[in-house]
Amino acid sequence: MRYYIKCEKGRSEFLDILRETSGGYYIRLTRIKDDYEKTIEEFMSKQLFDVCLITGYIKQESLGEQMSA
């Protein structure tokens, strides 16, 4: 599942959930700016993930966006 991360204009950032555990998620963060891409894989607690979702810092990719990818 993919989520978009709120960021500055001219930059794209998104988060992919790779695997869920009882304590959280193993995720892949991808940042793209000026044709430079950086990818990081790490663990994110469920609590932090939920806060990011509730505050609007991350937004789930819509079905239409998934189909066009």
PDB file of N, CA and C in Angstrom:
ATOM      1  N   MET A   1       0.844  -1.165   0.000  1.00  0.00           N
ATOM      2  CA  MET A   1       0.000   0.000   0.000  1.00  0.00           C
ATOM      3  C   MET A   1       0.894   1.234   0.000  1.00  0.00           C
ATOM      4  N   ARG A   2       0.520   2.253  -0.754  1.00  0.00           N
ATOM      5  CA  ARG A   2       1.332   3.451  -0.894  1.00  0.00           C
ATOM      6  C   ARG A   2       0.622   4.657  -0.281  1.00  0.00           C
ATOM      7  N   TYR A   3       1.419   5.486   0.382  1.00  0.00           N
ATOM      8  CA  TYR A   3       0.942   6.734   0.968  1.00  0.00           C
ATOM      9  C   TYR A   3       1.829   7.863   0.475  1.00  0.00           C
ATOM     10  N   TYR A   4       1.207   9.011   0.194  1.00  0.00           N
ATOM     11  CA  TYR A   4       1.960  10.199  -0.187  1.00  0.00           C
ATOM     12  C   TYR A   4       2.265  11.013   1.052  1.00  0.00           C
ATOM     13  N   ILE A   5       3.469  11.585   1.108  1.00  0.00           N
ATOM     14  CA  ILE A   5       3.913  12.385   2.243  1.00  0.00           C
ATOM     15  C   ILE A   5       3.837  13.856   1.860  1.00  0.00           C
ATOM     16  N   LYS A   6       3.254  14.659   2.756  1.00  0.00           N
ATOM     17  CA  LYS A   6       3.169  16.095   2.522  1.00  0.00           C
ATOM     18  C   LYS A   6       4.591  16.653   2.508  1.00  0.00           C
ATOM     19  N   CYS A   7       4.928  17.416   1.460  1.00  0.00           N
ATOM     20  CA  CYS A   7       6.280  17.970   1.360  1.00  0.00           C
ATOM     21  C   CYS A   7       6.253  19.259   0.550  1.00  0.00           C
ATOM     22  N   GLU A   8       7.408  19.872   0.420  1.00  0.00           N
ATOM     23  CA  GLU A   8       7.515  21.148  -0.283  1.00  0.00           C
ATOM     24  C   GLU A   8       7.254  20.990  -1.779  1.00  0.00           C
ATOM     25  N   LYS A   9       6.857  22.074  -2.407  1.00  0.00           N
ATOM     26  CA  LYS A   9       6.597  22.091  -3.845  1.00  0.00           C
ATOM     27  C   LYS A   9       7.876  21.743  -4.603  1.00  0.00           C
ATOM     28  N   GLY A  10       7.738  20.949  -5.660  1.00  0.00           N
ATOM     29  CA  GLY A  10       8.886  20.554  -6.459  1.00  0.00           C
ATOM     30  C   GLY A  10       9.537  19.263  -6.002  1.00  0.00           C
ATOM     31  N   ARG A  11       8.989  18.669  -4.959  1.00  0.00           N
ATOM     32  CA  ARG A  11       9.533  17.427  -4.419  1.00  0.00           C
ATOM     33  C   ARG A  11       8.398  16.432  -4.247  1.00  0.00           C
ATOM     34  N   SER A  12       8.669  15.165  -4.488  1.00  0.00           N
ATOM     35  CA  SER A  12       7.692  14.096  -4.278  1.00  0.00           C
ATOM     36  C   SER A  12       8.251  13.140  -3.238  1.00  0.00           C
ATOM     37  N   GLU A  13       7.391  12.752  -2.307  1.00  0.00           N
ATOM     38  CA  GLU A  13       7.789  11.786  -1.291  1.00  0.00           C
ATOM     39  C   GLU A  13       6.644  10.817  -1.077  1.00  0.00           C
ATOM     40  N   PHE A  14       6.974   9.550  -0.963  1.00  0.00           N
ATOM     41  CA  PHE A  14       5.941   8.580  -0.659  1.00  0.00           C
ATOM     42  C   PHE A  14       6.481   7.458   0.191  1.00  0.00           C
ATOM     43  N   LEU A  15       5.554   6.748   0.811  1.00  0.00           N
ATOM     44  CA  LEU A  15       5.849   5.698   1.772  1.00  0.00           C
ATOM     45  C   LEU A  15       5.131   4.437   1.315  1.00  0.00           C
ATOM     46  N   ASP A  16       5.849   3.352   1.199  1.00  0.00           N
ATOM     47  CA  ASP A  16       5.260   2.057   0.856  1.00  0.00           C
ATOM     48  C   ASP A  16       5.371   1.141   2.062  1.00  0.00           C
ATOM     49  N   ILE A  17       4.276   0.488   2.416  1.00  0.00           N
ATOM     50  CA  ILE A  17       4.307  -0.489   3.504  1.00  0.00           C
ATOM     51  C   ILE A  17       4.777  -1.811   2.918  1.00  0.00           C
ATOM     52  N   LEU A  18       5.875  -2.304   3.443  1.00  0.00           N
ATOM     53  CA  LEU A  18       6.442  -3.557   2.966  1.00  0.00           C
ATOM     54  C   LEU A  18       5.903  -4.751   3.744  1.00  0.00           C
ATOM     55  N   ARG A  19       5.763  -4.554   5.073  1.00  0.00           N
ATOM     56  CA  ARG A  19       5.327  -5.658   5.929  1.00  0.00           C
ATOM     57  C   ARG A  19       4.795  -5.085   7.232  1.00  0.00           C
ATOM     58  N   GLU A  20       3.740  -5.690   7.754  1.00  0.00           N
ATOM     59  CA  GLU A  20       3.163  -5.277   9.030  1.00  0.00           C
ATOM     60  C   GLU A  20       3.538  -6.275  10.120  1.00  0.00           C
ATOM     61  N   THR A  21       3.840  -5.758  11.315  1.00  0.00           N
ATOM     62  CA  THR A  21       4.104  -6.596  12.485  1.00  0.00           C
ATOM     63  C   THR A  21       3.149  -6.142  13.593  1.00  0.00           C
ATOM     64  N   SER A  22       3.197  -6.791  14.725  1.00  0.00           N
ATOM     65  CA  SER A  22       2.319  -6.404  15.834  1.00  0.00           C
ATOM     66  C   SER A  22       2.662  -5.010  16.367  1.00  0.00           C
ATOM     67  N   GLY A  23       3.902  -4.576  16.213  1.00  0.00           N
ATOM     68  CA  GLY A  23       4.314  -3.274  16.734  1.00  0.00           C
ATOM     69  C   GLY A  23       4.339  -2.153  15.726  1.00  0.00           C
ATOM     70  N   GLY A  24       4.209  -2.482  14.451  1.00  0.00           N
ATOM     71  CA  GLY A  24       4.275  -1.417  13.446  1.00  0.00           C
ATOM     72  C   GLY A  24       4.480  -1.943  12.045  1.00  0.00           C
ATOM     73  N   TYR A  25       5.215  -1.175  11.251  1.00  0.00           N
ATOM     74  CA  TYR A  25       5.362  -1.465   9.828  1.00  0.00           C
ATOM     75  C   TYR A  25       6.822  -1.330   9.396  1.00  0.00           C
ATOM     76  N   TYR A  26       7.237  -2.212   8.525  1.00  0.00           N
ATOM     77  CA  TYR A  26       8.492  -2.028   7.806  1.00  0.00           C
ATOM     78  C   TYR A  26       8.102  -1.268   6.549  1.00  0.00           C
ATOM     79  N   ILE A  27       8.749  -0.132   6.334  1.00  0.00           N
ATOM     80  CA  ILE A  27       8.350   0.764   5.259  1.00  0.00           C
ATOM     81  C   ILE A  27       9.532   1.096   4.353  1.00  0.00           C
ATOM     82  N   ARG A  28       9.198   1.573   3.157  1.00  0.00           N
ATOM     83  CA  ARG A  28      10.189   2.121   2.232  1.00  0.00           C
ATOM     84  C   ARG A  28       9.789   3.568   1.982  1.00  0.00           C
ATOM     85  N   LEU A  29      10.681   4.501   2.311  1.00  0.00           N
ATOM     86  CA  LEU A  29      10.470   5.915   2.048  1.00  0.00           C
ATOM     87  C   LEU A  29      11.214   6.283   0.780  1.00  0.00           C
ATOM     88  N   THR A  30      10.542   6.961  -0.127  1.00  0.00           N
ATOM     89  CA  THR A  30      11.186   7.405  -1.363  1.00  0.00           C
ATOM     90  C   THR A  30      11.007   8.908  -1.493  1.00  0.00           C
ATOM     91  N   ARG A  31      12.119   9.596  -1.733  1.00  0.00           N
ATOM     92  CA  ARG A  31      12.113  11.049  -1.914  1.00  0.00           C
ATOM     93  C   ARG A  31      12.690  11.359  -3.298  1.00  0.00           C
ATOM     94  N   ILE A  32      11.960  12.196  -4.051  1.00  0.00           N
ATOM     95  CA  ILE A  32      12.392  12.553  -5.404  1.00  0.00           C
ATOM     96  C   ILE A  32      12.387  14.075  -5.529  1.00  0.00           C
ATOM     97  N   LYS A  33      13.526  14.626  -5.925  1.00  0.00           N
ATOM     98  CA  LYS A  33      13.642  16.066  -6.160  1.00  0.00           C
ATOM     99  C   LYS A  33      14.706  16.289  -7.219  1.00  0.00           C
ATOM    100  N   ASP A  34      14.373  17.099  -8.203  1.00  0.00           N
ATOM    101  CA  ASP A  34      15.314  17.438  -9.277  1.00  0.00           C
ATOM    102  C   ASP A  34      15.940  16.188  -9.892  1.00  0.00           C
ATOM    103  N   ASP A  35      15.124  15.197 -10.205  1.00  0.00           N
ATOM    104  CA  ASP A  35      15.553  13.942 -10.825  1.00  0.00           C
ATOM    105  C   ASP A  35      16.522  13.123  -9.966  1.00  0.00           C
ATOM    106  N   TYR A  36      16.605  13.441  -8.681  1.00  0.00           N
ATOM    107  CA  TYR A  36      17.421  12.660  -7.739  1.00  0.00           C
ATOM    108  C   TYR A  36      16.471  11.872  -6.847  1.00  0.00           C
ATOM    109  N   GLU A  37      16.700  10.585  -6.731  1.00  0.00           N
ATOM    110  CA  GLU A  37      15.830   9.727  -5.927  1.00  0.00           C
ATOM    111  C   GLU A  37      16.623   9.098  -4.790  1.00  0.00           C
ATOM    112  N   LYS A  38      16.066   9.171  -3.586  1.00  0.00           N
ATOM    113  CA  LYS A  38      16.687   8.553  -2.412  1.00  0.00           C
ATOM    114  C   LYS A  38      15.651   7.632  -1.777  1.00  0.00           C
ATOM    115  N   THR A  39      16.045   6.410  -1.495  1.00  0.00           N
ATOM    116  CA  THR A  39      15.151   5.419  -0.906  1.00  0.00           C
ATOM    117  C   THR A  39      15.752   4.899   0.390  1.00  0.00           C
ATOM    118  N   ILE A  40      14.917   4.822   1.421  1.00  0.00           N
ATOM    119  CA  ILE A  40      15.323   4.338   2.738  1.00  0.00           C
ATOM    120  C   ILE A  40      14.303   3.302   3.195  1.00  0.00           C
ATOM    121  N   GLU A  41      14.764   2.203   3.750  1.00  0.00           N
ATOM    122  CA  GLU A  41      13.864   1.218   4.344  1.00  0.00           C
ATOM    123  C   GLU A  41      14.097   1.215   5.847  1.00  0.00           C
ATOM    124  N   GLU A  42      12.993   1.290   6.620  1.00  0.00           N
ATOM    125  CA  GLU A  42      13.100   1.315   8.073  1.00  0.00           C
ATOM    126  C   GLU A  42      11.808   0.853   8.723  1.00  0.00           C
ATOM    127  N   PHE A  43      11.812   0.818  10.044  1.00  0.00           N
ATOM    128  CA  PHE A  43      10.640   0.418  10.818  1.00  0.00           C
ATOM    129  C   PHE A  43       9.926   1.667  11.328  1.00  0.00           C
ATOM    130  N   MET A  44       8.593   1.651  11.295  1.00  0.00           N
ATOM    131  CA  MET A  44       7.784   2.746  11.821  1.00  0.00           C
ATOM    132  C   MET A  44       6.744   2.156  12.767  1.00  0.00           C
ATOM    133  N   SER A  45       6.664   2.681  13.975  1.00  0.00           N
ATOM    134  CA  SER A  45       5.692   2.170  14.945  1.00  0.00           C
ATOM    135  C   SER A  45       4.270   2.473  14.478  1.00  0.00           C
ATOM    136  N   LYS A  46       3.321   1.659  14.924  1.00  0.00           N
ATOM    137  CA  LYS A  46       1.912   1.887  14.577  1.00  0.00           C
ATOM    138  C   LYS A  46       1.457   3.234  15.111  1.00  0.00           C
ATOM    139  N   GLN A  47       1.922   3.601  16.296  1.00  0.00           N
ATOM    140  CA  GLN A  47       1.525   4.869  16.897  1.00  0.00           C
ATOM    141  C   GLN A  47       1.964   6.046  16.025  1.00  0.00           C
ATOM    142  N   LEU A  48       3.203   6.056  15.579  1.00  0.00           N
ATOM    143  CA  LEU A  48       3.689   7.136  14.724  1.00  0.00           C
ATOM    144  C   LEU A  48       2.949   7.144  13.390  1.00  0.00           C
ATOM    145  N   PHE A  49       2.723   5.975  12.803  1.00  0.00           N
ATOM    146  CA  PHE A  49       2.000   5.883  11.550  1.00  0.00           C
ATOM    147  C   PHE A  49       0.601   6.479  11.693  1.00  0.00           C
ATOM    148  N   ASP A  50      -0.103   6.109  12.764  1.00  0.00           N
ATOM    149  CA  ASP A  50      -1.464   6.614  12.991  1.00  0.00           C
ATOM    150  C   ASP A  50      -1.486   8.128  13.166  1.00  0.00           C
ATOM    151  N   VAL A  51      -0.508   8.674  13.886  1.00  0.00           N
ATOM    152  CA  VAL A  51      -0.434  10.128  14.070  1.00  0.00           C
ATOM    153  C   VAL A  51      -0.228  10.823  12.724  1.00  0.00           C
ATOM    154  N   CYS A  52       0.658  10.285  11.899  1.00  0.00           N
ATOM    155  CA  CYS A  52       0.917  10.867  10.571  1.00  0.00           C
ATOM    156  C   CYS A  52      -0.343  10.836   9.708  1.00  0.00           C
ATOM    157  N   LEU A  53      -1.103   9.766   9.802  1.00  0.00           N
ATOM    158  CA  LEU A  53      -2.334   9.627   9.020  1.00  0.00           C
ATOM    159  C   LEU A  53      -3.409  10.593   9.519  1.00  0.00           C
ATOM    160  N   ILE A  54      -3.604  10.656  10.817  1.00  0.00           N
ATOM    161  CA  ILE A  54      -4.636  11.525  11.411  1.00  0.00           C
ATOM    162  C   ILE A  54      -4.354  13.001  11.147  1.00  0.00           C
ATOM    163  N   THR A  55      -3.090  13.400  11.215  1.00  0.00           N
ATOM    164  CA  THR A  55      -2.727  14.814  11.034  1.00  0.00           C
ATOM    165  C   THR A  55      -2.655  15.218   9.558  1.00  0.00           C
ATOM    166  N   GLY A  56      -2.742  14.255   8.661  1.00  0.00           N
ATOM    167  CA  GLY A  56      -2.678  14.573   7.239  1.00  0.00           C
ATOM    168  C   GLY A  56      -1.276  14.648   6.684  1.00  0.00           C
ATOM    169  N   TYR A  57      -0.277  14.279   7.478  1.00  0.00           N
ATOM    170  CA  TYR A  57       1.105  14.291   6.989  1.00  0.00           C
ATOM    171  C   TYR A  57       1.302  13.246   5.897  1.00  0.00           C
ATOM    172  N   ILE A  58       0.572  12.121   6.009  1.00  0.00           N
ATOM    173  CA  ILE A  58       0.561  11.133   4.928  1.00  0.00           C
ATOM    174  C   ILE A  58      -0.880  10.926   4.481  1.00  0.00           C
ATOM    175  N   LYS A  59      -1.037  10.589   3.207  1.00  0.00           N
ATOM    176  CA  LYS A  59      -2.358  10.396   2.624  1.00  0.00           C
ATOM    177  C   LYS A  59      -2.314   9.153   1.745  1.00  0.00           C
ATOM    178  N   GLN A  60      -3.288   8.267   1.939  1.00  0.00           N
ATOM    179  CA  GLN A  60      -3.313   7.025   1.171  1.00  0.00           C
ATOM    180  C   GLN A  60      -3.558   7.309  -0.299  1.00  0.00           C
ATOM    181  N   GLU A  61      -2.841   6.580  -1.143  1.00  0.00           N
ATOM    182  CA  GLU A  61      -3.005   6.684  -2.583  1.00  0.00           C
ATOM    183  C   GLU A  61      -4.414   6.248  -2.947  1.00  0.00           C
ATOM    184  N   SER A  62      -5.075   6.964  -3.828  1.00  0.00           N
ATOM    185  CA  SER A  62      -6.434   6.608  -4.231  1.00  0.00           C
ATOM    186  C   SER A  62      -6.413   5.487  -5.261  1.00  0.00           C
ATOM    187  N   LEU A  63      -7.559   4.841  -5.453  1.00  0.00           N
ATOM    188  CA  LEU A  63      -7.673   3.728  -6.414  1.00  0.00           C
ATOM    189  C   LEU A  63      -7.308   4.186  -7.813  1.00  0.00           C
ATOM    190  N   GLY A  64      -7.729   5.377  -8.215  1.00  0.00           N
ATOM    191  CA  GLY A  64      -7.400   5.894  -9.549  1.00  0.00           C
ATOM    192  C   GLY A  64      -5.909   6.079  -9.750  1.00  0.00           C
ATOM    193  N   GLU A  65      -5.219   6.531  -8.716  1.00  0.00           N
ATOM    194  CA  GLU A  65      -3.773   6.695  -8.796  1.00  0.00           C
ATOM    195  C   GLU A  65      -3.084   5.355  -8.890  1.00  0.00           C
ATOM    196  N   GLN A  66      -3.613   4.325  -8.199  1.00  0.00           N
ATOM    197  CA  GLN A  66      -3.034   2.996  -8.263  1.00  0.00           C
ATOM    198  C   GLN A  66      -3.168   2.415  -9.667  1.00  0.00           C
ATOM    199  N   MET A  67      -4.299   2.631 -10.308  1.00  0.00           N
ATOM    200  CA  MET A  67      -4.555   2.049 -11.623  1.00  0.00           C
ATOM    201  C   MET A  67      -3.717   2.732 -12.703  1.00  0.00           C
ATOM    202  N   SER A  68      -3.369   4.007 -12.517  1.00  0.00           N
ATOM    203  CA  SER A  68      -2.574   4.698 -13.533  1.00  0.00           C
ATOM    204  C   SER A  68      -1.095   4.451 -13.388  1.00  0.00           C
ATOM    205  N   ALA A  69      -0.675   3.865 -12.272  1.00  0.00           N
ATOM    206  CA  ALA A  69       0.760   3.616 -12.030  1.00  0.00           C
ATOM    207  C   ALA A  69       1.268   2.428 -12.806  1.00  0.00           C
TER     208      ALA A  69
END
